[in-house]
Protein backbone atom coordinates (compact mmCIF):
# COMPACT_ATOMS: atom_id res chain seq x y z
CA UNK A 1 0.00 0.00 0.00
CA UNK A 2 2.95 2.29 0.68
CA UNK A 3 4.21 1.51 -2.83
CA UNK A 4 0.96 2.57 -4.51
CA UNK A 5 0.28 5.61 -2.34
CA UNK A 6 3.73 7.03 -3.17
CA UNK A 7 3.07 7.22 -6.92
CA UNK A 8 3.75 10.57 -8.61
CA UNK A 9 0.94 9.82 -11.08
CA UNK A 10 -2.18 11.35 -9.53
CA UNK A 11 -4.95 10.15 -11.86
CA UNK A 12 -5.58 6.50 -11.06
CA UNK A 13 -8.02 4.38 -9.09
CA UNK A 14 -6.81 1.85 -6.56
CA UNK A 15 -8.74 -1.37 -5.99
CA UNK A 16 -7.72 -3.73 -3.19
CA UNK A 17 -9.23 -7.20 -3.64
CA UNK A 18 -9.63 -9.19 -0.42
CA UNK A 19 -10.01 -12.77 -1.64
CA UNK A 20 -12.40 -14.23 0.94
CA UNK A 21 -10.13 -13.55 3.90
CA UNK A 22 -10.79 -11.76 7.17
CA UNK A 23 -11.64 -8.10 6.80
CA UNK A 24 -8.28 -6.30 6.87
CA UNK A 25 -7.57 -3.43 9.25
CA UNK A 26 -6.23 -0.76 6.92
CA UNK A 27 -4.50 2.50 7.92
CA UNK A 28 -6.62 5.61 7.37
CA UNK A 29 -3.74 7.26 5.55
CA UNK A 30 -4.52 4.91 2.64
CA UNK A 31 -8.28 4.34 2.87
CA UNK A 32 -9.08 8.05 3.10
CA UNK A 33 -7.75 8.58 -0.40
CA UNK A 34 -10.53 9.32 -2.86
CA UNK A 35 -9.21 6.83 -5.42
CA UNK A 36 -9.12 3.88 -3.00
CA UNK A 37 -11.74 1.09 -2.96
CA UNK A 38 -11.72 -2.15 -0.93
CA UNK A 39 -13.60 -5.08 -2.52
CA UNK A 40 -14.31 -7.97 -0.14
CA UNK A 41 -15.11 -11.28 -1.84
CA UNK A 42 -17.40 -13.47 0.27
CA UNK A 43 -15.87 -16.68 -1.04
CA UNK A 44 -12.29 -17.41 -2.04
CA UNK A 45 -11.94 -17.17 -5.83
CA UNK A 46 -8.20 -17.77 -6.12
CA UNK A 47 -5.62 -15.63 -7.88
CA UNK A 48 -7.38 -15.71 -11.24
CA UNK A 49 -10.86 -15.02 -9.89
CA UNK A 50 -9.71 -12.19 -7.63
CA UNK A 51 -7.70 -10.57 -10.43
CA UNK A 52 -10.64 -10.81 -12.83
CA UNK A 53 -12.93 -9.18 -10.26
CA UNK A 54 -10.56 -6.24 -10.11
CA UNK A 55 -10.38 -6.07 -13.90
CA UNK A 56 -14.18 -6.00 -14.20
CA UNK A 57 -14.74 -3.56 -11.31
CA UNK A 58 -12.12 -1.06 -12.48
CA UNK A 59 -13.13 1.91 -14.63
CA UNK A 60 -9.75 3.22 -15.80
CA UNK A 61 -8.35 3.09 -19.33
CA UNK A 62 -5.28 1.11 -18.29
CA UNK A 63 -4.72 -1.56 -15.67
CA UNK A 64 -1.81 -3.02 -13.72
CA UNK A 65 -2.00 -6.03 -11.38
CA UNK A 66 -0.03 -5.38 -8.18
CA UNK A 67 0.62 -8.49 -6.07
CA UNK A 68 0.63 -7.79 -2.35
CA UNK A 69 4.35 -8.45 -1.92
CA UNK A 70 5.78 -6.55 -4.91
CA UNK A 71 6.64 -2.85 -5.10
CA UNK A 72 6.55 0.00 -7.61
CA UNK A 73 9.01 2.87 -7.72
CA UNK A 74 7.27 6.26 -7.23
CA UNK A 75 7.56 7.21 -10.93
CA UNK A 76 6.44 3.81 -12.27
CA UNK A 77 2.83 4.59 -13.22
CA UNK A 78 3.82 7.94 -14.72
CA UNK A 79 6.51 6.40 -16.92
CA UNK A 80 4.35 3.45 -18.00
CA UNK A 81 1.21 5.50 -18.70
CA UNK A 82 3.14 8.16 -20.66
CA UNK A 83 4.72 5.44 -22.82
CA UNK A 84 1.40 3.71 -23.49
CA UNK A 85 -0.25 7.05 -24.30
CA UNK A 86 2.45 7.64 -26.92
CA UNK A 87 2.32 4.07 -28.31
CA UNK A 88 -1.09 4.18 -29.95
CA UNK A 89 -0.87 0.70 -31.53
CA UNK A 90 0.45 -1.10 -28.43
CA UNK A 91 -1.72 -3.41 -26.30
CA UNK A 92 0.39 -2.63 -23.25
CA UNK A 93 3.80 -1.56 -22.00
CA UNK A 94 6.49 -3.38 -20.03
CA UNK A 95 9.44 -2.04 -18.05
CA UNK A 96 12.60 -3.23 -16.35
CA UNK A 97 12.52 -4.73 -12.88
CA UNK A 98 14.63 -6.30 -10.18
CA UNK A 99 13.96 -9.70 -8.64
CA UNK A 100 14.79 -10.42 -5.01
CA UNK A 101 14.77 -14.11 -4.12
CA UNK A 102 14.75 -14.73 -0.38
CA UNK A 103 16.87 -17.83 -0.97
CA UNK A 104 19.68 -15.53 -2.15
CA UNK A 105 19.61 -13.10 0.79
CA UNK A 106 22.92 -13.31 2.61
CA UNK A 107 23.35 -13.56 6.36
CA UNK A 108 24.44 -9.93 6.39
CA UNK A 109 21.11 -8.93 4.86
CA UNK A 110 22.41 -8.27 1.33
CA UNK A 111 19.42 -8.85 -0.95
CA UNK A 112 21.49 -9.71 -4.05
CA UNK A 113 18.86 -8.52 -6.56
CA UNK A 114 18.77 -9.65 -10.18
CA UNK A 115 18.18 -6.74 -12.57
CA UNK A 116 16.27 -7.29 -15.82
CA UNK A 117 15.98 -4.46 -18.36
CA UNK A 118 14.22 -5.49 -21.61
CA UNK A 119 15.85 -4.03 -24.71
CA UNK A 120 12.91 -4.84 -26.98
CA UNK A 121 9.31 -6.06 -26.78
CA UNK A 122 8.74 -9.83 -26.59
CA UNK A 123 7.94 -11.68 -29.79
CA UNK A 124 4.78 -13.76 -29.82
CA UNK A 125 6.89 -16.85 -30.51
CA UNK A 126 9.10 -16.25 -27.47
CA UNK A 127 6.16 -15.46 -25.21
CA UNK A 128 4.32 -18.58 -26.36
CA UNK A 129 7.36 -20.64 -25.29
CA UNK A 130 7.56 -19.18 -21.78
CA UNK A 131 6.22 -16.28 -19.74
CA UNK A 132 8.75 -13.44 -19.70
CA UNK A 133 6.43 -10.69 -18.38
CA UNK A 134 5.62 -9.83 -14.77
CA UNK A 135 2.30 -8.49 -13.54
CA UNK A 136 4.03 -5.73 -11.57
CA UNK A 137 5.97 -4.52 -14.65
CA UNK A 138 3.12 -4.65 -17.20
CA UNK A 139 0.51 -1.93 -17.82
CA UNK A 140 -2.17 -2.83 -20.38
CA UNK A 141 -5.43 -1.66 -21.96
CA UNK A 142 -8.17 -2.74 -19.55
CA UNK A 143 -11.08 -2.89 -22.03
CA UNK A 144 -9.04 -4.86 -24.54
CA UNK A 145 -8.16 -7.37 -21.80
CA UNK A 146 -11.87 -7.80 -21.07
CA UNK A 147 -12.66 -8.20 -24.78
CA UNK A 148 -10.14 -11.06 -25.15
CA UNK A 149 -11.66 -12.93 -22.20
CA UNK A 150 -10.05 -11.43 -19.11
CA UNK A 151 -8.30 -13.58 -16.52
CA UNK A 152 -9.19 -17.28 -16.47
CA UNK A 153 -10.38 -18.19 -12.98
CA UNK A 154 -9.49 -21.88 -13.39
CA UNK A 155 -5.75 -21.18 -13.38
CA UNK A 156 -3.95 -21.32 -10.01
CA UNK A 157 -0.77 -19.90 -11.53
CA UNK A 158 0.42 -18.26 -14.77
CA UNK A 159 -3.00 -16.68 -15.24
CA UNK A 160 -1.16 -13.56 -16.37
CA UNK A 161 0.75 -15.50 -19.06
CA UNK A 162 -2.52 -16.70 -20.55
CA UNK A 163 -3.77 -13.10 -20.72
CA UNK A 164 -0.52 -11.80 -22.26
CA UNK A 165 -0.81 -14.40 -25.04
CA UNK A 166 -4.35 -13.37 -25.91
CA UNK A 167 -3.42 -9.68 -25.81
CA UNK A 168 -0.46 -10.29 -28.12
CA UNK A 169 -2.82 -11.78 -30.70
CA UNK A 170 -4.12 -8.19 -30.97
CA UNK A 171 -0.82 -6.30 -31.02
CA UNK A 172 2.61 -5.70 -29.51
CA UNK A 173 3.90 -4.33 -26.21
CA UNK A 174 5.88 -1.12 -25.90
CA UNK A 175 8.96 -0.93 -23.64
CA UNK A 176 10.29 1.47 -21.02
CA UNK A 177 13.96 0.58 -20.62
CA UNK A 178 14.15 1.52 -16.94
CA UNK A 179 13.94 -0.36 -13.67
CA UNK A 180 10.59 0.71 -12.22
CA UNK A 181 9.57 -2.12 -9.87
CA UNK A 182 10.62 -5.06 -7.71
CA UNK A 183 9.36 -8.62 -7.54
CA UNK A 184 9.95 -10.72 -4.42
CA UNK A 185 10.19 -14.51 -4.65
CA UNK A 186 9.42 -16.46 -1.49
CA UNK A 187 9.96 -20.12 -0.77
CA UNK A 188 7.11 -22.15 0.71
CA UNK A 189 8.95 -22.51 4.03
CA UNK A 190 10.79 -19.20 4.01
CA UNK A 191 10.78 -16.52 6.73
CA UNK A 192 8.45 -14.28 4.72
CA UNK A 193 5.66 -16.85 4.78
CA UNK A 194 4.42 -19.09 2.05
CA UNK A 195 4.93 -18.59 -1.66
CA UNK A 196 1.87 -17.43 -3.61
CA UNK A 197 2.08 -20.50 -5.83
CA UNK A 198 4.21 -23.62 -5.74
CA UNK A 199 6.44 -24.95 -8.56
CA UNK A 200 3.95 -27.80 -8.94
CA UNK A 201 1.09 -25.34 -9.47
CA UNK A 202 3.17 -23.44 -12.04
CA UNK A 203 3.97 -26.64 -13.93
CA UNK A 204 0.34 -27.82 -13.95
CA UNK A 205 -0.84 -24.40 -15.09
CA UNK A 206 1.78 -24.33 -17.87
CA UNK A 207 0.62 -27.79 -19.08
CA UNK A 208 -3.02 -26.67 -18.98
CA UNK A 209 -2.32 -23.51 -20.99
CA UNK A 210 -0.13 -25.23 -23.61
CA UNK A 211 -2.61 -28.07 -24.12
CA UNK A 212 -5.52 -25.62 -24.39
CA UNK A 213 -3.93 -23.68 -27.23
CA UNK A 214 -2.59 -26.79 -28.95
CA UNK A 215 -6.06 -28.36 -28.94
CA UNK A 216 -7.41 -25.09 -30.32
CA UNK A 217 -4.88 -25.15 -33.16
CA UNK A 218 -5.61 -28.80 -33.99
CA UNK A 219 -9.38 -28.22 -33.95
CA UNK A 220 -8.99 -25.27 -36.31
CA UNK A 221 -6.60 -27.17 -38.59
CA UNK A 222 -3.94 -24.48 -38.41
CA UNK A 223 -0.68 -23.52 -36.78
CA UNK A 224 -1.02 -21.11 -33.87
CA UNK A 225 0.50 -20.21 -30.52
CA UNK A 226 -0.06 -23.78 -29.31
CA UNK A 227 2.45 -24.98 -31.89
C-alpha atoms as a PDB file:
ATOM      1  CA  UNK A   1       0.000   0.000   0.000  1.00  0.00           C
ATOM      2  CA  UNK A   2       2.951   2.293   0.680  1.00  0.00           C
ATOM      3  CA  UNK A   3       4.206   1.515  -2.829  1.00  0.00           C
ATOM      4  CA  UNK A   4       0.957   2.567  -4.507  1.00  0.00           C
ATOM      5  CA  UNK A   5       0.282   5.612  -2.345  1.00  0.00           C
ATOM      6  CA  UNK A   6       3.726   7.031  -3.167  1.00  0.00           C
ATOM      7  CA  UNK A   7       3.072   7.221  -6.921  1.00  0.00           C
ATOM      8  CA  UNK A   8       3.750  10.568  -8.606  1.00  0.00           C
ATOM      9  CA  UNK A   9       0.944   9.816 -11.075  1.00  0.00           C
ATOM     10  CA  UNK A  10      -2.182  11.346  -9.529  1.00  0.00           C
ATOM     11  CA  UNK A  11      -4.950  10.152 -11.863  1.00  0.00           C
ATOM     12  CA  UNK A  12      -5.579   6.501 -11.056  1.00  0.00           C
ATOM     13  CA  UNK A  13      -8.023   4.375  -9.091  1.00  0.00           C
ATOM     14  CA  UNK A  14      -6.811   1.852  -6.559  1.00  0.00           C
ATOM     15  CA  UNK A  15      -8.744  -1.373  -5.992  1.00  0.00           C
ATOM     16  CA  UNK A  16      -7.719  -3.725  -3.194  1.00  0.00           C
ATOM     17  CA  UNK A  17      -9.230  -7.201  -3.644  1.00  0.00           C
ATOM     18  CA  UNK A  18      -9.627  -9.193  -0.418  1.00  0.00           C
ATOM     19  CA  UNK A  19     -10.009 -12.769  -1.638  1.00  0.00           C
ATOM     20  CA  UNK A  20     -12.398 -14.228   0.938  1.00  0.00           C
ATOM     21  CA  UNK A  21     -10.132 -13.547   3.900  1.00  0.00           C
ATOM     22  CA  UNK A  22     -10.790 -11.764   7.169  1.00  0.00           C
ATOM     23  CA  UNK A  23     -11.637  -8.100   6.800  1.00  0.00           C
ATOM     24  CA  UNK A  24      -8.281  -6.303   6.872  1.00  0.00           C
ATOM     25  CA  UNK A  25      -7.574  -3.427   9.248  1.00  0.00           C
ATOM     26  CA  UNK A  26      -6.225  -0.759   6.915  1.00  0.00           C
ATOM     27  CA  UNK A  27      -4.504   2.496   7.925  1.00  0.00           C
ATOM     28  CA  UNK A  28      -6.623   5.605   7.370  1.00  0.00           C
ATOM     29  CA  UNK A  29      -3.743   7.262   5.552  1.00  0.00           C
ATOM     30  CA  UNK A  30      -4.519   4.914   2.643  1.00  0.00           C
ATOM     31  CA  UNK A  31      -8.276   4.335   2.872  1.00  0.00           C
ATOM     32  CA  UNK A  32      -9.078   8.051   3.101  1.00  0.00           C
ATOM     33  CA  UNK A  33      -7.745   8.581  -0.399  1.00  0.00           C
ATOM     34  CA  UNK A  34     -10.531   9.316  -2.864  1.00  0.00           C
ATOM     35  CA  UNK A  35      -9.208   6.832  -5.418  1.00  0.00           C
ATOM     36  CA  UNK A  36      -9.119   3.876  -2.995  1.00  0.00           C
ATOM     37  CA  UNK A  37     -11.736   1.090  -2.957  1.00  0.00           C
ATOM     38  CA  UNK A  38     -11.723  -2.152  -0.935  1.00  0.00           C
ATOM     39  CA  UNK A  39     -13.598  -5.079  -2.519  1.00  0.00           C
ATOM     40  CA  UNK A  40     -14.308  -7.966  -0.142  1.00  0.00           C
ATOM     41  CA  UNK A  41     -15.111 -11.277  -1.835  1.00  0.00           C
ATOM     42  CA  UNK A  42     -17.404 -13.468   0.270  1.00  0.00           C
ATOM     43  CA  UNK A  43     -15.866 -16.678  -1.036  1.00  0.00           C
ATOM     44  CA  UNK A  44     -12.285 -17.405  -2.039  1.00  0.00           C
ATOM     45  CA  UNK A  45     -11.942 -17.168  -5.827  1.00  0.00           C
ATOM     46  CA  UNK A  46      -8.198 -17.767  -6.118  1.00  0.00           C
ATOM     47  CA  UNK A  47      -5.624 -15.628  -7.879  1.00  0.00           C
ATOM     48  CA  UNK A  48      -7.381 -15.708 -11.243  1.00  0.00           C
ATOM     49  CA  UNK A  49     -10.860 -15.022  -9.893  1.00  0.00           C
ATOM     50  CA  UNK A  50      -9.709 -12.192  -7.630  1.00  0.00           C
ATOM     51  CA  UNK A  51      -7.705 -10.570 -10.430  1.00  0.00           C
ATOM     52  CA  UNK A  52     -10.636 -10.812 -12.828  1.00  0.00           C
ATOM     53  CA  UNK A  53     -12.926  -9.180 -10.256  1.00  0.00           C
ATOM     54  CA  UNK A  54     -10.560  -6.237 -10.111  1.00  0.00           C
ATOM     55  CA  UNK A  55     -10.376  -6.068 -13.896  1.00  0.00           C
ATOM     56  CA  UNK A  56     -14.182  -6.005 -14.196  1.00  0.00           C
ATOM     57  CA  UNK A  57     -14.736  -3.561 -11.313  1.00  0.00           C
ATOM     58  CA  UNK A  58     -12.121  -1.061 -12.482  1.00  0.00           C
ATOM     59  CA  UNK A  59     -13.126   1.913 -14.627  1.00  0.00           C
ATOM     60  CA  UNK A  60      -9.751   3.222 -15.802  1.00  0.00           C
ATOM     61  CA  UNK A  61      -8.355   3.094 -19.326  1.00  0.00           C
ATOM     62  CA  UNK A  62      -5.278   1.108 -18.293  1.00  0.00           C
ATOM     63  CA  UNK A  63      -4.723  -1.557 -15.667  1.00  0.00           C
ATOM     64  CA  UNK A  64      -1.806  -3.023 -13.723  1.00  0.00           C
ATOM     65  CA  UNK A  65      -2.004  -6.027 -11.375  1.00  0.00           C
ATOM     66  CA  UNK A  66      -0.035  -5.378  -8.182  1.00  0.00           C
ATOM     67  CA  UNK A  67       0.618  -8.486  -6.071  1.00  0.00           C
ATOM     68  CA  UNK A  68       0.632  -7.786  -2.349  1.00  0.00           C
ATOM     69  CA  UNK A  69       4.349  -8.451  -1.924  1.00  0.00           C
ATOM     70  CA  UNK A  70       5.776  -6.547  -4.912  1.00  0.00           C
ATOM     71  CA  UNK A  71       6.640  -2.848  -5.101  1.00  0.00           C
ATOM     72  CA  UNK A  72       6.555   0.002  -7.612  1.00  0.00           C
ATOM     73  CA  UNK A  73       9.009   2.870  -7.719  1.00  0.00           C
ATOM     74  CA  UNK A  74       7.274   6.263  -7.231  1.00  0.00           C
ATOM     75  CA  UNK A  75       7.556   7.209 -10.929  1.00  0.00           C
ATOM     76  CA  UNK A  76       6.440   3.807 -12.274  1.00  0.00           C
ATOM     77  CA  UNK A  77       2.826   4.590 -13.217  1.00  0.00           C
ATOM     78  CA  UNK A  78       3.816   7.938 -14.725  1.00  0.00           C
ATOM     79  CA  UNK A  79       6.511   6.399 -16.918  1.00  0.00           C
ATOM     80  CA  UNK A  80       4.348   3.451 -18.003  1.00  0.00           C
ATOM     81  CA  UNK A  81       1.207   5.500 -18.696  1.00  0.00           C
ATOM     82  CA  UNK A  82       3.135   8.161 -20.665  1.00  0.00           C
ATOM     83  CA  UNK A  83       4.720   5.440 -22.817  1.00  0.00           C
ATOM     84  CA  UNK A  84       1.403   3.710 -23.494  1.00  0.00           C
ATOM     85  CA  UNK A  85      -0.255   7.048 -24.303  1.00  0.00           C
ATOM     86  CA  UNK A  86       2.449   7.641 -26.920  1.00  0.00           C
ATOM     87  CA  UNK A  87       2.315   4.074 -28.306  1.00  0.00           C
ATOM     88  CA  UNK A  88      -1.090   4.177 -29.952  1.00  0.00           C
ATOM     89  CA  UNK A  89      -0.874   0.696 -31.526  1.00  0.00           C
ATOM     90  CA  UNK A  90       0.448  -1.103 -28.425  1.00  0.00           C
ATOM     91  CA  UNK A  91      -1.716  -3.408 -26.298  1.00  0.00           C
ATOM     92  CA  UNK A  92       0.392  -2.629 -23.252  1.00  0.00           C
ATOM     93  CA  UNK A  93       3.801  -1.559 -22.004  1.00  0.00           C
ATOM     94  CA  UNK A  94       6.494  -3.380 -20.027  1.00  0.00           C
ATOM     95  CA  UNK A  95       9.437  -2.045 -18.049  1.00  0.00           C
ATOM     96  CA  UNK A  96      12.596  -3.225 -16.351  1.00  0.00           C
ATOM     97  CA  UNK A  97      12.524  -4.731 -12.883  1.00  0.00           C
ATOM     98  CA  UNK A  98      14.628  -6.302 -10.176  1.00  0.00           C
ATOM     99  CA  UNK A  99      13.956  -9.696  -8.640  1.00  0.00           C
ATOM    100  CA  UNK A 100      14.791 -10.417  -5.012  1.00  0.00           C
ATOM    101  CA  UNK A 101      14.772 -14.107  -4.117  1.00  0.00           C
ATOM    102  CA  UNK A 102      14.748 -14.730  -0.379  1.00  0.00           C
ATOM    103  CA  UNK A 103      16.866 -17.825  -0.970  1.00  0.00           C
ATOM    104  CA  UNK A 104      19.683 -15.530  -2.148  1.00  0.00           C
ATOM    105  CA  UNK A 105      19.610 -13.103   0.790  1.00  0.00           C
ATOM    106  CA  UNK A 106      22.918 -13.312   2.609  1.00  0.00           C
ATOM    107  CA  UNK A 107      23.353 -13.556   6.362  1.00  0.00           C
ATOM    108  CA  UNK A 108      24.442  -9.933   6.388  1.00  0.00           C
ATOM    109  CA  UNK A 109      21.114  -8.925   4.858  1.00  0.00           C
ATOM    110  CA  UNK A 110      22.408  -8.269   1.331  1.00  0.00           C
ATOM    111  CA  UNK A 111      19.424  -8.852  -0.950  1.00  0.00           C
ATOM    112  CA  UNK A 112      21.489  -9.715  -4.053  1.00  0.00           C
ATOM    113  CA  UNK A 113      18.865  -8.516  -6.564  1.00  0.00           C
ATOM    114  CA  UNK A 114      18.774  -9.648 -10.180  1.00  0.00           C
ATOM    115  CA  UNK A 115      18.184  -6.742 -12.566  1.00  0.00           C
ATOM    116  CA  UNK A 116      16.265  -7.288 -15.822  1.00  0.00           C
ATOM    117  CA  UNK A 117      15.983  -4.464 -18.364  1.00  0.00           C
ATOM    118  CA  UNK A 118      14.217  -5.493 -21.613  1.00  0.00           C
ATOM    119  CA  UNK A 119      15.853  -4.029 -24.707  1.00  0.00           C
ATOM    120  CA  UNK A 120      12.915  -4.839 -26.984  1.00  0.00           C
ATOM    121  CA  UNK A 121       9.310  -6.064 -26.778  1.00  0.00           C
ATOM    122  CA  UNK A 122       8.738  -9.829 -26.589  1.00  0.00           C
ATOM    123  CA  UNK A 123       7.937 -11.676 -29.787  1.00  0.00           C
ATOM    124  CA  UNK A 124       4.784 -13.765 -29.816  1.00  0.00           C
ATOM    125  CA  UNK A 125       6.885 -16.848 -30.508  1.00  0.00           C
ATOM    126  CA  UNK A 126       9.104 -16.248 -27.474  1.00  0.00           C
ATOM    127  CA  UNK A 127       6.163 -15.463 -25.207  1.00  0.00           C
ATOM    128  CA  UNK A 128       4.323 -18.584 -26.362  1.00  0.00           C
ATOM    129  CA  UNK A 129       7.356 -20.637 -25.292  1.00  0.00           C
ATOM    130  CA  UNK A 130       7.563 -19.183 -21.778  1.00  0.00           C
ATOM    131  CA  UNK A 131       6.220 -16.284 -19.743  1.00  0.00           C
ATOM    132  CA  UNK A 132       8.745 -13.440 -19.703  1.00  0.00           C
ATOM    133  CA  UNK A 133       6.427 -10.693 -18.379  1.00  0.00           C
ATOM    134  CA  UNK A 134       5.621  -9.833 -14.768  1.00  0.00           C
ATOM    135  CA  UNK A 135       2.298  -8.492 -13.545  1.00  0.00           C
ATOM    136  CA  UNK A 136       4.035  -5.735 -11.567  1.00  0.00           C
ATOM    137  CA  UNK A 137       5.966  -4.524 -14.646  1.00  0.00           C
ATOM    138  CA  UNK A 138       3.116  -4.646 -17.197  1.00  0.00           C
ATOM    139  CA  UNK A 139       0.510  -1.932 -17.820  1.00  0.00           C
ATOM    140  CA  UNK A 140      -2.167  -2.829 -20.383  1.00  0.00           C
ATOM    141  CA  UNK A 141      -5.430  -1.663 -21.963  1.00  0.00           C
ATOM    142  CA  UNK A 142      -8.175  -2.740 -19.550  1.00  0.00           C
ATOM    143  CA  UNK A 143     -11.076  -2.888 -22.026  1.00  0.00           C
ATOM    144  CA  UNK A 144      -9.036  -4.863 -24.537  1.00  0.00           C
ATOM    145  CA  UNK A 145      -8.158  -7.374 -21.803  1.00  0.00           C
ATOM    146  CA  UNK A 146     -11.872  -7.800 -21.073  1.00  0.00           C
ATOM    147  CA  UNK A 147     -12.663  -8.201 -24.777  1.00  0.00           C
ATOM    148  CA  UNK A 148     -10.145 -11.058 -25.149  1.00  0.00           C
ATOM    149  CA  UNK A 149     -11.661 -12.929 -22.197  1.00  0.00           C
ATOM    150  CA  UNK A 150     -10.053 -11.427 -19.112  1.00  0.00           C
ATOM    151  CA  UNK A 151      -8.301 -13.577 -16.515  1.00  0.00           C
ATOM    152  CA  UNK A 152      -9.186 -17.276 -16.469  1.00  0.00           C
ATOM    153  CA  UNK A 153     -10.376 -18.186 -12.975  1.00  0.00           C
ATOM    154  CA  UNK A 154      -9.491 -21.881 -13.394  1.00  0.00           C
ATOM    155  CA  UNK A 155      -5.749 -21.184 -13.383  1.00  0.00           C
ATOM    156  CA  UNK A 156      -3.953 -21.320 -10.015  1.00  0.00           C
ATOM    157  CA  UNK A 157      -0.771 -19.902 -11.530  1.00  0.00           C
ATOM    158  CA  UNK A 158       0.416 -18.265 -14.772  1.00  0.00           C
ATOM    159  CA  UNK A 159      -3.005 -16.676 -15.236  1.00  0.00           C
ATOM    160  CA  UNK A 160      -1.162 -13.558 -16.369  1.00  0.00           C
ATOM    161  CA  UNK A 161       0.755 -15.499 -19.057  1.00  0.00           C
ATOM    162  CA  UNK A 162      -2.522 -16.702 -20.548  1.00  0.00           C
ATOM    163  CA  UNK A 163      -3.766 -13.100 -20.715  1.00  0.00           C
ATOM    164  CA  UNK A 164      -0.524 -11.800 -22.260  1.00  0.00           C
ATOM    165  CA  UNK A 165      -0.805 -14.403 -25.040  1.00  0.00           C
ATOM    166  CA  UNK A 166      -4.350 -13.371 -25.906  1.00  0.00           C
ATOM    167  CA  UNK A 167      -3.418  -9.681 -25.809  1.00  0.00           C
ATOM    168  CA  UNK A 168      -0.462 -10.287 -28.123  1.00  0.00           C
ATOM    169  CA  UNK A 169      -2.817 -11.776 -30.703  1.00  0.00           C
ATOM    170  CA  UNK A 170      -4.117  -8.193 -30.969  1.00  0.00           C
ATOM    171  CA  UNK A 171      -0.816  -6.297 -31.019  1.00  0.00           C
ATOM    172  CA  UNK A 172       2.611  -5.700 -29.511  1.00  0.00           C
ATOM    173  CA  UNK A 173       3.897  -4.330 -26.211  1.00  0.00           C
ATOM    174  CA  UNK A 174       5.881  -1.118 -25.901  1.00  0.00           C
ATOM    175  CA  UNK A 175       8.957  -0.931 -23.642  1.00  0.00           C
ATOM    176  CA  UNK A 176      10.290   1.471 -21.018  1.00  0.00           C
ATOM    177  CA  UNK A 177      13.955   0.580 -20.616  1.00  0.00           C
ATOM    178  CA  UNK A 178      14.152   1.523 -16.945  1.00  0.00           C
ATOM    179  CA  UNK A 179      13.944  -0.364 -13.666  1.00  0.00           C
ATOM    180  CA  UNK A 180      10.586   0.707 -12.224  1.00  0.00           C
ATOM    181  CA  UNK A 181       9.571  -2.123  -9.874  1.00  0.00           C
ATOM    182  CA  UNK A 182      10.624  -5.055  -7.707  1.00  0.00           C
ATOM    183  CA  UNK A 183       9.361  -8.621  -7.544  1.00  0.00           C
ATOM    184  CA  UNK A 184       9.954 -10.719  -4.421  1.00  0.00           C
ATOM    185  CA  UNK A 185      10.188 -14.507  -4.650  1.00  0.00           C
ATOM    186  CA  UNK A 186       9.418 -16.460  -1.489  1.00  0.00           C
ATOM    187  CA  UNK A 187       9.961 -20.125  -0.770  1.00  0.00           C
ATOM    188  CA  UNK A 188       7.110 -22.146   0.708  1.00  0.00           C
ATOM    189  CA  UNK A 189       8.946 -22.506   4.027  1.00  0.00           C
ATOM    190  CA  UNK A 190      10.788 -19.200   4.009  1.00  0.00           C
ATOM    191  CA  UNK A 191      10.776 -16.522   6.731  1.00  0.00           C
ATOM    192  CA  UNK A 192       8.449 -14.279   4.716  1.00  0.00           C
ATOM    193  CA  UNK A 193       5.658 -16.846   4.781  1.00  0.00           C
ATOM    194  CA  UNK A 194       4.418 -19.091   2.046  1.00  0.00           C
ATOM    195  CA  UNK A 195       4.927 -18.587  -1.662  1.00  0.00           C
ATOM    196  CA  UNK A 196       1.866 -17.430  -3.606  1.00  0.00           C
ATOM    197  CA  UNK A 197       2.076 -20.497  -5.827  1.00  0.00           C
ATOM    198  CA  UNK A 198       4.205 -23.615  -5.743  1.00  0.00           C
ATOM    199  CA  UNK A 199       6.440 -24.949  -8.558  1.00  0.00           C
ATOM    200  CA  UNK A 200       3.949 -27.798  -8.941  1.00  0.00           C
ATOM    201  CA  UNK A 201       1.090 -25.335  -9.471  1.00  0.00           C
ATOM    202  CA  UNK A 202       3.175 -23.441 -12.035  1.00  0.00           C
ATOM    203  CA  UNK A 203       3.967 -26.639 -13.925  1.00  0.00           C
ATOM    204  CA  UNK A 204       0.344 -27.824 -13.952  1.00  0.00           C
ATOM    205  CA  UNK A 205      -0.844 -24.395 -15.086  1.00  0.00           C
ATOM    206  CA  UNK A 206       1.775 -24.334 -17.867  1.00  0.00           C
ATOM    207  CA  UNK A 207       0.623 -27.786 -19.076  1.00  0.00           C
ATOM    208  CA  UNK A 208      -3.018 -26.675 -18.983  1.00  0.00           C
ATOM    209  CA  UNK A 209      -2.321 -23.513 -20.995  1.00  0.00           C
ATOM    210  CA  UNK A 210      -0.126 -25.235 -23.607  1.00  0.00           C
ATOM    211  CA  UNK A 211      -2.611 -28.066 -24.121  1.00  0.00           C
ATOM    212  CA  UNK A 212      -5.518 -25.623 -24.390  1.00  0.00           C
ATOM    213  CA  UNK A 213      -3.925 -23.677 -27.233  1.00  0.00           C
ATOM    214  CA  UNK A 214      -2.586 -26.787 -28.954  1.00  0.00           C
ATOM    215  CA  UNK A 215      -6.065 -28.361 -28.943  1.00  0.00           C
ATOM    216  CA  UNK A 216      -7.407 -25.091 -30.315  1.00  0.00           C
ATOM    217  CA  UNK A 217      -4.877 -25.149 -33.162  1.00  0.00           C
ATOM    218  CA  UNK A 218      -5.614 -28.796 -33.991  1.00  0.00           C
ATOM    219  CA  UNK A 219      -9.383 -28.217 -33.946  1.00  0.00           C
ATOM    220  CA  UNK A 220      -8.991 -25.265 -36.313  1.00  0.00           C
ATOM    221  CA  UNK A 221      -6.603 -27.168 -38.591  1.00  0.00           C
ATOM    222  CA  UNK A 222      -3.942 -24.480 -38.406  1.00  0.00           C
ATOM    223  CA  UNK A 223      -0.682 -23.518 -36.776  1.00  0.00           C
ATOM    224  CA  UNK A 224      -1.022 -21.109 -33.869  1.00  0.00           C
ATOM    225  CA  UNK A 225       0.497 -20.213 -30.521  1.00  0.00           C
ATOM    226  CA  UNK A 226      -0.064 -23.781 -29.310  1.00  0.00           C
ATOM    227  CA  UNK A 227       2.448 -24.979 -31.885  1.00  0.00           C
END
